[in-house]
N, C-alpha and C. Protein backbone atom coordinates (compact mmCIF):
# COMPACT_ATOMS: atom_id res chain seq x y z
N MET A 1 -49.85 25.39 12.13
CA MET A 1 -49.87 23.55 11.98
C MET A 1 -50.24 23.01 10.35
N ASN A 2 -49.83 22.89 10.03
CA ASN A 2 -51.06 22.59 8.48
C ASN A 2 -52.08 21.40 8.64
N ALA A 3 -52.58 21.35 7.86
CA ALA A 3 -53.84 20.09 7.81
C ALA A 3 -53.40 18.61 8.02
N LEU A 4 -51.73 18.34 7.50
CA LEU A 4 -51.47 17.10 7.63
C LEU A 4 -51.29 16.80 9.00
N GLN A 5 -50.54 17.57 9.74
CA GLN A 5 -50.26 17.77 10.93
C GLN A 5 -51.09 17.36 12.05
N LYS A 6 -52.28 18.49 11.58
CA LYS A 6 -53.35 18.59 12.19
C LYS A 6 -53.95 16.62 11.93
N GLU A 7 -54.49 15.88 11.22
CA GLU A 7 -55.02 14.85 10.58
C GLU A 7 -54.10 14.08 11.12
N GLN A 8 -52.60 13.95 11.21
CA GLN A 8 -51.69 12.63 11.46
C GLN A 8 -51.77 12.11 12.84
N PRO A 9 -51.87 12.81 14.20
CA PRO A 9 -51.51 12.41 15.16
C PRO A 9 -52.84 10.28 15.40
N ALA A 10 -54.20 11.05 14.49
CA ALA A 10 -54.37 9.33 15.08
C ALA A 10 -54.17 8.28 14.03
N PHE A 11 -53.81 8.58 12.95
CA PHE A 11 -53.40 7.56 11.88
C PHE A 11 -52.31 7.29 12.83
N ASP A 12 -51.30 8.24 13.21
CA ASP A 12 -50.10 7.24 14.05
C ASP A 12 -50.13 6.59 14.89
N ARG A 13 -51.72 6.90 15.55
CA ARG A 13 -52.29 6.18 17.03
C ARG A 13 -52.83 4.21 16.37
N ALA A 14 -53.31 4.70 15.41
CA ALA A 14 -53.91 3.03 14.32
C ALA A 14 -52.42 2.45 14.61
N VAL A 15 -51.32 2.83 13.74
CA VAL A 15 -49.96 2.59 13.46
C VAL A 15 -49.27 2.32 14.45
N CYS A 16 -49.33 2.75 15.84
CA CYS A 16 -48.57 1.94 17.11
C CYS A 16 -49.72 0.88 17.86
N ASP A 17 -50.78 1.19 17.96
CA ASP A 17 -51.80 0.43 18.45
C ASP A 17 -51.46 -0.92 17.82
N ALA A 18 -51.40 -1.16 16.26
CA ALA A 18 -51.42 -2.07 15.53
C ALA A 18 -50.40 -2.91 16.16
N MET A 19 -48.97 -1.99 15.94
CA MET A 19 -47.59 -2.36 16.25
C MET A 19 -47.33 -3.52 17.59
N VAL A 20 -47.66 -2.83 18.75
CA VAL A 20 -48.19 -3.45 19.73
C VAL A 20 -49.65 -5.14 19.77
N ALA A 21 -50.11 -4.71 19.29
CA ALA A 21 -51.07 -5.92 18.50
C ALA A 21 -50.63 -6.89 17.76
N SER A 22 -49.45 -6.64 17.24
CA SER A 22 -48.90 -7.60 16.27
C SER A 22 -47.27 -8.30 17.40
N THR A 23 -47.11 -7.88 17.96
CA THR A 23 -45.84 -8.12 18.72
C THR A 23 -46.10 -8.63 19.92
N PRO A 24 -45.32 -9.91 20.35
CA PRO A 24 -45.23 -10.42 21.64
C PRO A 24 -44.99 -9.77 22.59
N ASP A 25 -45.73 -10.42 24.20
CA ASP A 25 -46.08 -9.46 25.03
C ASP A 25 -44.71 -8.87 25.82
N ASP A 26 -43.49 -9.77 25.61
CA ASP A 26 -42.32 -8.97 26.64
C ASP A 26 -41.47 -8.38 25.61
N TRP A 27 -41.89 -7.76 24.45
CA TRP A 27 -41.45 -6.88 23.76
C TRP A 27 -41.18 -5.74 24.18
N SER A 28 -40.85 -4.47 24.92
CA SER A 28 -40.66 -3.57 25.40
C SER A 28 -40.65 -2.07 24.39
N VAL A 29 -39.81 -2.27 23.01
CA VAL A 29 -39.50 -1.72 22.91
C VAL A 29 -39.64 -2.26 21.17
N ILE A 30 -40.62 -1.72 20.45
CA ILE A 30 -40.75 -1.94 18.75
C ILE A 30 -40.67 -1.04 18.12
N VAL A 31 -40.13 -1.72 16.93
CA VAL A 31 -39.93 -0.80 15.74
C VAL A 31 -40.14 -1.52 14.09
N LEU A 32 -41.18 -0.66 13.55
CA LEU A 32 -41.75 -0.87 12.03
C LEU A 32 -40.92 -0.31 11.52
N THR A 33 -40.30 -0.74 10.41
CA THR A 33 -39.38 -0.38 9.79
C THR A 33 -40.41 -0.12 8.33
N ILE A 34 -40.87 0.32 7.63
CA ILE A 34 -41.87 1.07 6.03
C ILE A 34 -41.22 1.31 5.16
N GLU A 35 -40.79 0.28 4.50
CA GLU A 35 -40.03 1.58 2.95
C GLU A 35 -40.76 0.21 1.72
N ARG A 36 -40.97 1.69 0.73
CA ARG A 36 -41.92 1.76 -0.26
C ARG A 36 -40.46 1.65 -1.42
N PRO A 37 -40.54 0.55 -2.58
CA PRO A 37 -39.96 0.38 -3.38
C PRO A 37 -39.34 1.36 -4.52
N ASP A 38 -38.02 1.42 -4.37
CA ASP A 38 -37.79 2.53 -5.45
C ASP A 38 -38.98 2.72 -6.88
N GLY A 39 -39.20 4.21 -6.97
CA GLY A 39 -39.81 4.37 -8.41
C GLY A 39 -41.34 4.12 -8.74
N SER A 40 -41.26 4.22 -7.13
CA SER A 40 -43.05 3.47 -6.40
C SER A 40 -43.67 4.39 -6.03
N THR A 41 -44.99 4.73 -6.37
CA THR A 41 -45.77 5.84 -5.51
C THR A 41 -47.48 5.49 -5.26
N ALA A 42 -47.34 3.77 -6.03
CA ALA A 42 -48.68 3.47 -5.09
C ALA A 42 -49.19 3.41 -4.04
N ILE A 43 -50.17 3.70 -3.39
CA ILE A 43 -50.54 3.64 -1.81
C ILE A 43 -50.74 2.34 -1.67
N GLY A 44 -50.09 2.00 -0.50
CA GLY A 44 -49.92 0.73 -0.11
C GLY A 44 -48.59 -0.21 -0.25
N GLU A 45 -48.42 0.12 -1.48
CA GLU A 45 -47.37 -0.37 -1.92
C GLU A 45 -45.93 0.11 -1.09
N LEU A 46 -46.28 -0.79 0.06
CA LEU A 46 -45.00 -0.85 1.07
C LEU A 46 -45.02 -2.53 1.89
N SER A 47 -43.18 -2.71 2.08
CA SER A 47 -42.68 -3.34 3.49
C SER A 47 -43.10 -2.93 4.54
N HIS A 48 -43.08 -4.24 5.06
CA HIS A 48 -42.99 -4.04 6.55
C HIS A 48 -42.25 -4.72 7.22
N GLU A 49 -41.54 -4.34 8.82
CA GLU A 49 -40.95 -5.42 9.05
C GLU A 49 -40.57 -4.73 10.70
N LEU A 50 -40.97 -5.72 11.70
CA LEU A 50 -41.26 -5.55 12.71
C LEU A 50 -40.28 -5.99 13.73
N SER A 51 -39.46 -5.27 14.83
CA SER A 51 -38.04 -5.79 15.30
C SER A 51 -37.81 -5.24 16.50
N THR A 52 -37.31 -5.49 17.59
CA THR A 52 -36.73 -5.29 18.91
C THR A 52 -35.34 -4.90 18.83
N PRO A 53 -35.05 -3.84 19.27
CA PRO A 53 -33.22 -4.27 19.27
C PRO A 53 -33.08 -4.94 21.07
N ASP A 54 -33.99 -5.39 21.33
CA ASP A 54 -33.79 -6.11 22.83
C ASP A 54 -33.36 -7.73 22.33
N ARG A 55 -33.46 -8.05 21.33
CA ARG A 55 -33.35 -9.65 20.71
C ARG A 55 -32.95 -10.00 19.14
N ASN A 56 -32.83 -10.88 19.17
CA ASN A 56 -32.83 -10.97 17.43
C ASN A 56 -34.45 -11.77 17.21
N GLY A 57 -34.63 -11.82 16.18
CA GLY A 57 -36.10 -11.42 15.75
C GLY A 57 -36.89 -11.16 14.87
N SER A 58 -37.92 -11.21 14.45
CA SER A 58 -38.91 -10.55 13.98
C SER A 58 -40.38 -10.76 14.17
N ALA A 59 -41.10 -10.29 14.00
CA ALA A 59 -42.67 -10.54 14.18
C ALA A 59 -43.74 -10.34 13.00
N THR A 60 -44.61 -11.42 12.98
CA THR A 60 -45.26 -10.92 11.68
C THR A 60 -46.42 -10.01 11.92
N PRO A 61 -46.56 -8.77 11.02
CA PRO A 61 -47.50 -8.18 11.41
C PRO A 61 -49.24 -8.67 11.05
N ASP A 62 -49.77 -8.20 12.09
CA ASP A 62 -51.31 -8.28 11.81
C ASP A 62 -52.04 -7.04 10.98
N ASP A 63 -52.97 -8.09 10.32
CA ASP A 63 -53.72 -7.31 9.21
C ASP A 63 -53.95 -5.75 9.26
N SER A 64 -54.12 -5.70 11.13
CA SER A 64 -54.43 -4.11 11.12
C SER A 64 -53.48 -3.51 10.97
N LEU A 65 -52.08 -3.85 11.25
CA LEU A 65 -51.03 -2.77 11.16
C LEU A 65 -50.68 -2.68 9.16
N TYR A 66 -51.13 -3.61 8.53
CA TYR A 66 -51.35 -3.47 7.25
C TYR A 66 -52.83 -2.44 6.94
N GLU A 67 -53.09 -2.58 7.66
CA GLU A 67 -54.13 -1.60 6.91
C GLU A 67 -54.21 0.32 7.57
N ALA A 68 -53.29 -0.18 8.83
CA ALA A 68 -53.13 1.80 9.17
C ALA A 68 -52.09 2.23 8.61
N THR A 69 -51.51 1.26 7.89
CA THR A 69 -50.09 2.00 7.22
C THR A 69 -50.73 2.96 6.10
N TYR A 70 -51.60 1.53 5.76
CA TYR A 70 -51.82 1.88 3.78
C TYR A 70 -53.24 2.95 4.66
N ARG A 71 -53.73 2.82 5.09
CA ARG A 71 -54.28 4.52 5.61
C ARG A 71 -54.03 5.79 5.70
N LEU A 72 -52.46 5.73 6.69
CA LEU A 72 -51.74 6.43 6.91
C LEU A 72 -50.59 7.06 5.11
N ASP A 73 -50.87 6.20 4.49
CA ASP A 73 -50.17 6.56 3.25
C ASP A 73 -51.31 7.42 2.28
N GLU A 74 -52.12 6.71 2.01
CA GLU A 74 -53.33 7.53 1.55
C GLU A 74 -53.44 9.07 2.02
N LEU A 75 -53.56 9.20 3.54
CA LEU A 75 -53.25 10.55 4.17
C LEU A 75 -52.33 11.36 3.33
N PHE A 76 -50.95 11.09 3.65
CA PHE A 76 -49.86 11.47 3.28
C PHE A 76 -50.08 11.88 1.68
N GLN A 77 -50.41 10.78 0.37
CA GLN A 77 -51.02 11.28 -0.54
C GLN A 77 -51.68 12.07 -0.98
N ARG A 78 -52.93 12.45 0.17
CA ARG A 78 -54.02 13.25 -0.17
C ARG A 78 -53.56 14.67 -0.08
N HIS A 79 -52.54 14.68 0.51
CA HIS A 79 -52.20 15.61 0.89
C HIS A 79 -50.87 16.44 0.29
N GLY A 80 -50.58 15.46 -1.11
CA GLY A 80 -49.21 15.65 -1.85
C GLY A 80 -47.66 15.15 -0.99
N ALA A 81 -48.01 14.85 -0.22
CA ALA A 81 -46.34 13.79 0.23
C ALA A 81 -46.38 12.44 0.33
N VAL A 82 -45.70 12.08 -0.59
CA VAL A 82 -45.19 10.41 -0.83
C VAL A 82 -43.80 10.12 0.23
N PHE A 83 -43.88 9.34 0.88
CA PHE A 83 -42.98 9.18 2.09
C PHE A 83 -42.59 7.81 1.12
N ARG A 84 -41.22 8.01 0.99
CA ARG A 84 -40.02 6.14 0.80
C ARG A 84 -39.85 5.44 2.20
N ARG A 85 -39.74 5.72 3.11
CA ARG A 85 -39.64 5.46 4.34
C ARG A 85 -39.66 5.86 5.67
N ALA A 86 -40.62 5.21 6.83
CA ALA A 86 -41.07 5.30 7.86
C ALA A 86 -40.19 4.48 9.09
N VAL A 87 -40.20 5.30 9.98
CA VAL A 87 -39.01 3.86 11.29
C VAL A 87 -40.09 4.84 12.06
N TYR A 88 -40.93 3.99 12.64
CA TYR A 88 -41.79 4.10 14.51
C TYR A 88 -40.84 3.20 15.14
N ARG A 89 -40.94 3.99 16.62
CA ARG A 89 -40.36 3.26 17.19
C ARG A 89 -41.31 3.39 18.65
N VAL A 90 -42.02 2.27 19.51
CA VAL A 90 -42.57 2.38 20.53
C VAL A 90 -42.08 1.75 21.54
N GLU A 91 -41.73 2.75 22.65
CA GLU A 91 -41.74 2.33 23.63
C GLU A 91 -42.69 2.26 25.21
N LEU A 92 -42.62 0.97 25.45
CA LEU A 92 -43.98 0.53 26.63
C LEU A 92 -43.18 0.79 27.76
N LEU A 93 -43.87 1.50 28.42
CA LEU A 93 -43.54 2.31 29.78
C LEU A 93 -44.86 1.43 30.92
N PRO A 94 -44.21 1.37 31.87
CA PRO A 94 -45.29 0.90 32.83
C PRO A 94 -46.75 1.27 32.46
N GLU A 95 -46.99 2.14 32.63
CA GLU A 95 -48.49 2.93 32.59
C GLU A 95 -48.93 3.16 31.22
N SER A 96 -47.98 3.41 30.08
CA SER A 96 -48.39 3.93 29.08
C SER A 96 -47.46 3.85 27.62
N TRP A 97 -47.41 4.61 27.16
CA TRP A 97 -46.35 4.24 25.63
C TRP A 97 -45.64 5.16 24.74
N ARG A 98 -44.26 5.20 24.11
CA ARG A 98 -44.65 6.68 23.95
C ARG A 98 -43.68 6.18 22.47
N TYR A 99 -43.83 6.74 21.28
CA TYR A 99 -43.40 6.80 20.34
C TYR A 99 -42.67 8.27 19.24
N THR A 100 -41.95 7.33 18.67
CA THR A 100 -41.34 8.79 17.76
C THR A 100 -41.16 8.14 16.04
N VAL A 101 -41.30 8.61 15.33
CA VAL A 101 -41.31 8.36 13.61
C VAL A 101 -40.71 9.60 12.86
N ASP A 102 -39.97 8.73 12.39
CA ASP A 102 -38.86 9.46 11.39
C ASP A 102 -39.51 8.89 9.67
N PHE A 103 -39.47 10.19 9.02
CA PHE A 103 -39.89 9.77 7.84
C PHE A 103 -39.29 10.09 6.63
N GLU A 104 -38.88 9.76 5.53
CA GLU A 104 -37.99 9.93 4.36
C GLU A 104 -38.79 10.40 3.14
N TYR A 105 -39.03 11.42 2.47
CA TYR A 105 -39.84 11.90 1.94
C TYR A 105 -39.24 11.55 0.09
N VAL A 106 -40.10 10.79 -0.60
CA VAL A 106 -39.81 10.57 -2.09
C VAL A 106 -39.22 11.99 -2.45
N ALA A 107 -40.25 13.05 -3.10
CA ALA A 107 -39.75 14.03 -4.17
C ALA A 107 -38.97 14.71 -3.10
N SER A 108 -38.51 15.18 -1.80
CA SER A 108 -38.05 16.10 -1.22
C SER A 108 -36.08 15.56 -0.80
N LYS A 109 -36.92 14.19 -0.72
CA LYS A 109 -35.28 13.61 0.33
C LYS A 109 -35.15 14.04 1.29
N SER A 110 -36.53 15.31 1.88
CA SER A 110 -35.93 15.97 3.35
C SER A 110 -36.34 14.53 4.25
N LYS A 111 -35.52 14.92 5.54
CA LYS A 111 -36.39 14.16 6.69
C LYS A 111 -37.15 14.92 7.23
N LYS A 112 -37.78 14.42 8.43
CA LYS A 112 -38.78 15.33 9.35
C LYS A 112 -38.95 14.41 10.46
N ARG A 113 -39.03 14.85 11.62
CA ARG A 113 -39.27 14.19 12.63
C ARG A 113 -40.22 14.45 13.59
N PHE A 114 -40.79 13.41 14.06
CA PHE A 114 -42.23 13.61 15.04
C PHE A 114 -42.40 13.51 16.15
N ARG A 115 -42.13 13.74 16.72
CA ARG A 115 -42.81 13.33 18.72
C ARG A 115 -44.07 13.45 19.05
């Protein structure tokens, strides 16, 4: 396990917590799509879209979500990785929640999936 993988879970947790804080209580599945404009590598220069597959509409991200994704972006870049797109999916369960995240990277164009 490399240094990025050791540090990332705490950052993912902050993103997921902020996703839950940003959305209505009746959303049981939350999807966050983060995208970087083509050609940009600036830390934090990301668009955010919160949605749910259960219904139409979207939610406005809480400031804590922008802060969490900024810190995540900074972490990745400190380790030499720049993501172009990230899609987080949080499923709220009766006693807990679980998440998945897919990243697409700028340099290698590869996809990695972490659970």
